[in-house]
Amino acid sequence: MVNTANRPKPKVAIFGGSFDPPHRGHQTIVQKSVKGLNVDKIIVLPAYLNPFKSSSLASPKQRLAWCHKLFGNISNVIVSDYEINKNRSVKTSQSVKYFNIEFDVKYLIIGSDNLSTITSWHEFDFLNNNIEWVIFTRNGYPIDTEKLKKFKVIQLNEDANSTDIRDKKALIYIDNKIENSVKQIIKG
């Protein structure tokens, strides 16, 4: 029998979000994270419902399916249904604790649009003390890292965002693997 107790846990980065819908910006973040972060896996973690939002356009199951189509075949990427299967909004700190059982969560990947509210995240101090923030730039959102203990900033150079895709029906930012499905949901 092989003793796995002394084996180090695989290092991971968690990239959570609504993915409502996932777009080319999300794809670029995953690609840059796979190449640029010193981890064994990237965990793409669609939220059942973002704790700061009251609803989403697409259902949780649909958003999970989109993530599987876009990220499921990328080496070193895991698309997790953990938060979706909870059938409720899940705090990031709870997800980090859950994944730390099997993995060593090194990084949380966020967009710079999250920095304005980050200190109001549930158990912010726990997160800030236990992970390194990987911040992808987003046009119009300043990089204020004063409250963060460990962080790295990565340039995204993408203008895609889910709000514009939903509101302006800007499907040019959607991968053709999911474009028809997204189009049907947006037309609703």
C-alpha atoms as a PDB file:
ATOM      1  CA  MET A   1       0.000   0.000   0.000  1.00  0.00           C
ATOM      2  CA  VAL A   2       1.284   3.455  -0.923  1.00  0.00           C
ATOM      3  CA  ASN A   3       1.388   6.018   1.866  1.00  0.00           C
ATOM      4  CA  THR A   4      -0.113   9.246   0.495  1.00  0.00           C
ATOM      5  CA  ALA A   5      -0.222  11.020   3.870  1.00  0.00           C
ATOM      6  CA  ASN A   6       3.226  12.564   3.387  1.00  0.00           C
ATOM      7  CA  ARG A   7       2.688  13.505  -0.237  1.00  0.00           C
ATOM      8  CA  PRO A   8       2.151  17.211  -0.813  1.00  0.00           C
ATOM      9  CA  LYS A   9      -1.289  18.247  -1.960  1.00  0.00           C
ATOM     10  CA  PRO A  10      -1.544  19.558  -5.544  1.00  0.00           C
ATOM     11  CA  LYS A  11      -1.266  23.367  -5.703  1.00  0.00           C
ATOM     12  CA  VAL A  12      -4.283  25.093  -7.263  1.00  0.00           C
ATOM     13  CA  ALA A  13      -5.709  28.459  -8.198  1.00  0.00           C
ATOM     14  CA  ILE A  14      -9.460  29.051  -7.992  1.00  0.00           C
ATOM     15  CA  PHE A  15     -11.157  31.145 -10.642  1.00  0.00           C
ATOM     16  CA  GLY A  16     -14.727  31.650  -9.475  1.00  0.00           C
ATOM     17  CA  GLY A  17     -17.451  33.760 -10.994  1.00  0.00           C
ATOM     18  CA  SER A  18     -20.946  33.961 -12.354  1.00  0.00           C
ATOM     19  CA  PHE A  19     -19.861  33.155 -15.919  1.00  0.00           C
ATOM     20  CA  ASP A  20     -23.184  34.639 -17.070  1.00  0.00           C
ATOM     21  CA  PRO A  21     -22.135  34.009 -19.832  1.00  0.00           C
ATOM     22  CA  PRO A  22     -18.488  32.958 -19.975  1.00  0.00           C
ATOM     23  CA  HIS A  23     -16.641  34.907 -22.670  1.00  0.00           C
ATOM     24  CA  ARG A  24     -13.292  35.343 -24.394  1.00  0.00           C
ATOM     25  CA  GLY A  25     -11.978  37.364 -21.449  1.00  0.00           C
ATOM     26  CA  HIS A  26     -12.627  34.407 -19.140  1.00  0.00           C
ATOM     27  CA  GLN A  27     -10.932  32.124 -21.656  1.00  0.00           C
ATOM     28  CA  THR A  28      -7.871  34.379 -21.780  1.00  0.00           C
ATOM     29  CA  ILE A  29      -7.714  34.471 -17.973  1.00  0.00           C
ATOM     30  CA  VAL A  30      -7.726  30.662 -17.831  1.00  0.00           C
ATOM     31  CA  GLN A  31      -5.089  30.370 -20.573  1.00  0.00           C
ATOM     32  CA  LYS A  32      -2.801  32.947 -18.927  1.00  0.00           C
ATOM     33  CA  SER A  33      -3.299  31.315 -15.521  1.00  0.00           C
ATOM     34  CA  VAL A  34      -2.429  27.829 -16.808  1.00  0.00           C
ATOM     35  CA  LYS A  35       0.765  29.200 -18.375  1.00  0.00           C
ATOM     36  CA  GLY A  36       1.753  31.818 -15.805  1.00  0.00           C
ATOM     37  CA  LEU A  37       0.886  30.485 -12.356  1.00  0.00           C
ATOM     38  CA  ASN A  38       3.003  27.910 -10.584  1.00  0.00           C
ATOM     39  CA  VAL A  39       0.137  25.507  -9.849  1.00  0.00           C
ATOM     40  CA  ASP A  40      -0.854  21.967 -10.748  1.00  0.00           C
ATOM     41  CA  LYS A  41      -4.470  22.853 -11.583  1.00  0.00           C
ATOM     42  CA  ILE A  42      -6.784  25.783 -12.201  1.00  0.00           C
ATOM     43  CA  ILE A  43     -10.252  25.248 -10.724  1.00  0.00           C
ATOM     44  CA  VAL A  44     -12.971  27.059 -12.685  1.00  0.00           C
ATOM     45  CA  LEU A  45     -15.785  27.498 -10.177  1.00  0.00           C
ATOM     46  CA  PRO A  46     -19.137  28.803 -11.459  1.00  0.00           C
ATOM     47  CA  ALA A  47     -21.231  30.284  -8.657  1.00  0.00           C
ATOM     48  CA  TYR A  48     -24.776  29.154  -7.983  1.00  0.00           C
ATOM     49  CA  LEU A  49     -25.427  32.837  -7.353  1.00  0.00           C
ATOM     50  CA  ASN A  50     -22.837  35.534  -6.748  1.00  0.00           C
ATOM     51  CA  PRO A  51     -23.298  36.680  -3.102  1.00  0.00           C
ATOM     52  CA  PHE A  52     -23.400  40.298  -4.343  1.00  0.00           C
ATOM     53  CA  LYS A  53     -26.141  39.663  -6.946  1.00  0.00           C
ATOM     54  CA  SER A  54     -29.827  38.841  -6.657  1.00  0.00           C
ATOM     55  CA  SER A  55     -30.181  36.846  -9.896  1.00  0.00           C
ATOM     56  CA  SER A  56     -28.456  35.627 -13.032  1.00  0.00           C
ATOM     57  CA  LEU A  57     -29.683  35.504 -16.626  1.00  0.00           C
ATOM     58  CA  ALA A  58     -28.798  31.870 -17.290  1.00  0.00           C
ATOM     59  CA  SER A  59     -29.560  29.058 -14.869  1.00  0.00           C
ATOM     60  CA  PRO A  60     -26.728  27.671 -12.733  1.00  0.00           C
ATOM     61  CA  LYS A  61     -26.815  24.375 -14.685  1.00  0.00           C
ATOM     62  CA  GLN A  62     -26.574  26.243 -18.009  1.00  0.00           C
ATOM     63  CA  ARG A  63     -23.612  28.312 -16.847  1.00  0.00           C
ATOM     64  CA  LEU A  64     -21.897  25.135 -15.602  1.00  0.00           C
ATOM     65  CA  ALA A  65     -22.514  23.460 -18.977  1.00  0.00           C
ATOM     66  CA  TRP A  66     -21.011  26.461 -20.786  1.00  0.00           C
ATOM     67  CA  CYS A  67     -17.925  26.311 -18.559  1.00  0.00           C
ATOM     68  CA  HIS A  68     -17.541  22.588 -19.262  1.00  0.00           C
ATOM     69  CA  LYS A  69     -17.690  23.269 -23.010  1.00  0.00           C
ATOM     70  CA  LEU A  70     -15.121  26.066 -22.864  1.00  0.00           C
ATOM     71  CA  PHE A  71     -12.725  24.854 -20.178  1.00  0.00           C
ATOM     72  CA  GLY A  72     -13.387  21.144 -19.652  1.00  0.00           C
ATOM     73  CA  ASN A  73     -10.877  19.925 -22.237  1.00  0.00           C
ATOM     74  CA  ILE A  74      -7.991  22.178 -21.208  1.00  0.00           C
ATOM     75  CA  SER A  75      -5.100  20.359 -19.627  1.00  0.00           C
ATOM     76  CA  ASN A  76      -4.671  21.223 -15.925  1.00  0.00           C
ATOM     77  CA  VAL A  77      -8.151  22.768 -15.653  1.00  0.00           C
ATOM     78  CA  ILE A  78     -10.959  21.393 -13.488  1.00  0.00           C
ATOM     79  CA  VAL A  79     -14.499  22.745 -13.912  1.00  0.00           C
ATOM     80  CA  SER A  80     -16.142  22.229 -10.530  1.00  0.00           C
ATOM     81  CA  ASP A  81     -19.844  21.940  -9.764  1.00  0.00           C
ATOM     82  CA  TYR A  82     -19.222  22.395  -6.019  1.00  0.00           C
ATOM     83  CA  GLU A  83     -21.038  25.729  -5.612  1.00  0.00           C
ATOM     84  CA  ILE A  84     -23.774  24.889  -8.145  1.00  0.00           C
ATOM     85  CA  ASN A  85     -24.586  21.670  -6.275  1.00  0.00           C
ATOM     86  CA  LYS A  86     -25.080  23.615  -3.045  1.00  0.00           C
ATOM     87  CA  ASN A  87     -28.211  25.181  -4.620  1.00  0.00           C
ATOM     88  CA  ARG A  88     -27.485  28.433  -2.824  1.00  0.00           C
ATOM     89  CA  SER A  89     -25.026  31.275  -2.792  1.00  0.00           C
ATOM     90  CA  VAL A  90     -21.654  30.119  -1.416  1.00  0.00           C
ATOM     91  CA  LYS A  91     -19.052  32.426   0.109  1.00  0.00           C
ATOM     92  CA  THR A  92     -15.576  32.304  -1.430  1.00  0.00           C
ATOM     93  CA  SER A  93     -14.024  31.498   1.947  1.00  0.00           C
ATOM     94  CA  GLN A  94     -16.226  28.391   2.228  1.00  0.00           C
ATOM     95  CA  SER A  95     -15.092  27.211  -1.211  1.00  0.00           C
ATOM     96  CA  VAL A  96     -11.426  27.806  -0.360  1.00  0.00           C
ATOM     97  CA  LYS A  97     -11.817  25.760   2.839  1.00  0.00           C
ATOM     98  CA  TYR A  98     -13.579  22.983   0.924  1.00  0.00           C
ATOM     99  CA  PHE A  99     -10.894  22.767  -1.778  1.00  0.00           C
ATOM    100  CA  ASN A 100      -8.094  22.992   0.796  1.00  0.00           C
ATOM    101  CA  ILE A 101      -9.115  19.527   2.016  1.00  0.00           C
ATOM    102  CA  GLU A 102      -7.867  17.911  -1.203  1.00  0.00           C
ATOM    103  CA  PHE A 103      -5.666  20.673  -2.620  1.00  0.00           C
ATOM    104  CA  ASP A 104      -3.346  23.437  -1.506  1.00  0.00           C
ATOM    105  CA  VAL A 105      -5.205  26.573  -2.635  1.00  0.00           C
ATOM    106  CA  LYS A 106      -2.454  29.073  -3.440  1.00  0.00           C
ATOM    107  CA  TYR A 107      -4.309  31.690  -5.494  1.00  0.00           C
ATOM    108  CA  LEU A 108      -7.686  33.304  -5.994  1.00  0.00           C
ATOM    109  CA  ILE A 109      -8.088  34.715  -9.485  1.00  0.00           C
ATOM    110  CA  ILE A 110     -10.212  37.867  -9.674  1.00  0.00           C
ATOM    111  CA  GLY A 111     -10.870  40.774 -11.990  1.00  0.00           C
ATOM    112  CA  SER A 112      -9.841  44.264 -10.924  1.00  0.00           C
ATOM    113  CA  ASP A 113     -13.572  45.133 -10.802  1.00  0.00           C
ATOM    114  CA  ASN A 114     -13.729  43.118  -7.553  1.00  0.00           C
ATOM    115  CA  LEU A 115     -11.178  45.261  -5.729  1.00  0.00           C
ATOM    116  CA  SER A 116     -13.667  47.983  -4.739  1.00  0.00           C
ATOM    117  CA  THR A 117     -15.690  45.514  -2.618  1.00  0.00           C
ATOM    118  CA  ILE A 118     -13.061  42.938  -1.686  1.00  0.00           C
ATOM    119  CA  THR A 119     -12.765  43.920   1.979  1.00  0.00           C
ATOM    120  CA  SER A 120     -16.504  43.264   2.372  1.00  0.00           C
ATOM    121  CA  TRP A 121     -16.123  39.649   1.234  1.00  0.00           C
ATOM    122  CA  HIS A 122     -17.088  37.153   3.938  1.00  0.00           C
ATOM    123  CA  GLU A 123     -13.984  36.253   5.981  1.00  0.00           C
ATOM    124  CA  PHE A 124     -11.806  38.628   3.981  1.00  0.00           C
ATOM    125  CA  ASP A 125      -9.047  38.422   6.602  1.00  0.00           C
ATOM    126  CA  PHE A 126      -8.961  34.619   6.339  1.00  0.00           C
ATOM    127  CA  LEU A 127      -8.665  34.862   2.557  1.00  0.00           C
ATOM    128  CA  ASN A 128      -6.109  37.652   2.704  1.00  0.00           C
ATOM    129  CA  ASN A 129      -3.929  35.680   5.144  1.00  0.00           C
ATOM    130  CA  ASN A 130      -4.132  32.336   3.329  1.00  0.00           C
ATOM    131  CA  ILE A 131      -4.036  32.952  -0.416  1.00  0.00           C
ATOM    132  CA  GLU A 132      -2.340  35.173  -2.956  1.00  0.00           C
ATOM    133  CA  TRP A 133      -4.654  37.310  -5.064  1.00  0.00           C
ATOM    134  CA  VAL A 134      -4.176  37.117  -8.831  1.00  0.00           C
ATOM    135  CA  ILE A 135      -5.744  40.274 -10.245  1.00  0.00           C
ATOM    136  CA  PHE A 136      -6.523  40.532 -13.931  1.00  0.00           C
ATOM    137  CA  THR A 137      -6.875  44.100 -15.130  1.00  0.00           C
ATOM    138  CA  ARG A 138     -10.196  45.316 -16.460  1.00  0.00           C
ATOM    139  CA  ASN A 139     -10.673  48.598 -18.310  1.00  0.00           C
ATOM    140  CA  GLY A 140     -12.158  51.297 -16.104  1.00  0.00           C
ATOM    141  CA  TYR A 141     -11.324  49.578 -12.822  1.00  0.00           C
ATOM    142  CA  PRO A 142      -8.308  50.855 -10.877  1.00  0.00           C
ATOM    143  CA  ILE A 143      -5.804  48.542  -9.249  1.00  0.00           C
ATOM    144  CA  ASP A 144      -6.051  49.418  -5.548  1.00  0.00           C
ATOM    145  CA  THR A 145      -4.137  46.734  -3.671  1.00  0.00           C
ATOM    146  CA  GLU A 146      -3.530  48.652  -0.437  1.00  0.00           C
ATOM    147  CA  LYS A 147      -5.515  46.144   1.683  1.00  0.00           C
ATOM    148  CA  LEU A 148      -4.066  43.000   0.075  1.00  0.00           C
ATOM    149  CA  LYS A 149      -1.172  41.125   1.692  1.00  0.00           C
ATOM    150  CA  LYS A 150       0.018  39.109  -1.326  1.00  0.00           C
ATOM    151  CA  PHE A 151      -0.966  39.741  -4.901  1.00  0.00           C
ATOM    152  CA  LYS A 152       0.134  39.768  -8.492  1.00  0.00           C
ATOM    153  CA  VAL A 153      -1.381  41.798 -11.311  1.00  0.00           C
ATOM    154  CA  ILE A 154      -1.730  40.397 -14.823  1.00  0.00           C
ATOM    155  CA  GLN A 155      -2.720  42.497 -17.830  1.00  0.00           C
ATOM    156  CA  LEU A 156      -5.809  41.120 -19.540  1.00  0.00           C
ATOM    157  CA  ASN A 157      -6.098  43.304 -22.658  1.00  0.00           C
ATOM    158  CA  GLU A 158      -9.687  42.153 -23.302  1.00  0.00           C
ATOM    159  CA  ASP A 159     -12.770  44.340 -23.408  1.00  0.00           C
ATOM    160  CA  ALA A 160     -15.267  41.504 -23.006  1.00  0.00           C
ATOM    161  CA  ASN A 161     -17.616  41.548 -20.044  1.00  0.00           C
ATOM    162  CA  SER A 162     -20.766  39.578 -19.342  1.00  0.00           C
ATOM    163  CA  THR A 163     -22.893  42.670 -18.659  1.00  0.00           C
ATOM    164  CA  ASP A 164     -22.286  44.062 -22.161  1.00  0.00           C
ATOM    165  CA  ILE A 165     -22.933  40.660 -23.672  1.00  0.00           C
ATOM    166  CA  ARG A 166     -26.282  40.446 -21.878  1.00  0.00           C
ATOM    167  CA  ASP A 167     -27.334  44.095 -22.272  1.00  0.00           C
ATOM    168  CA  LYS A 168     -25.914  44.918 -25.702  1.00  0.00           C
ATOM    169  CA  LYS A 169     -26.088  41.382 -27.078  1.00  0.00           C
ATOM    170  CA  ALA A 170     -22.372  41.661 -27.916  1.00  0.00           C
ATOM    171  CA  LEU A 171     -21.945  38.072 -29.065  1.00  0.00           C
ATOM    172  CA  ILE A 172     -18.585  38.829 -30.716  1.00  0.00           C
ATOM    173  CA  TYR A 173     -17.031  38.051 -27.315  1.00  0.00           C
ATOM    174  CA  ILE A 174     -18.592  34.578 -27.153  1.00  0.00           C
ATOM    175  CA  ASP A 175     -16.780  31.459 -28.348  1.00  0.00           C
ATOM    176  CA  ASN A 176     -18.596  29.699 -31.186  1.00  0.00           C
ATOM    177  CA  LYS A 177     -18.813  26.537 -29.027  1.00  0.00           C
ATOM    178  CA  ILE A 178     -21.547  28.201 -26.956  1.00  0.00           C
ATOM    179  CA  GLU A 179     -22.704  31.106 -29.149  1.00  0.00           C
ATOM    180  CA  ASN A 180     -26.049  29.615 -30.225  1.00  0.00           C
ATOM    181  CA  SER A 181     -26.948  28.629 -26.679  1.00  0.00           C
ATOM    182  CA  VAL A 182     -26.039  32.090 -25.346  1.00  0.00           C
ATOM    183  CA  LYS A 183     -28.012  33.744 -28.149  1.00  0.00           C
ATOM    184  CA  GLN A 184     -31.144  31.764 -27.189  1.00  0.00           C
ATOM    185  CA  ILE A 185     -30.836  32.757 -23.523  1.00  0.00           C
ATOM    186  CA  ILE A 186     -30.225  36.438 -24.310  1.00  0.00           C
ATOM    187  CA  LYS A 187     -33.236  36.597 -26.627  1.00  0.00           C
ATOM    188  CA  GLY A 188     -35.218  34.960 -23.811  1.00  0.00           C
END
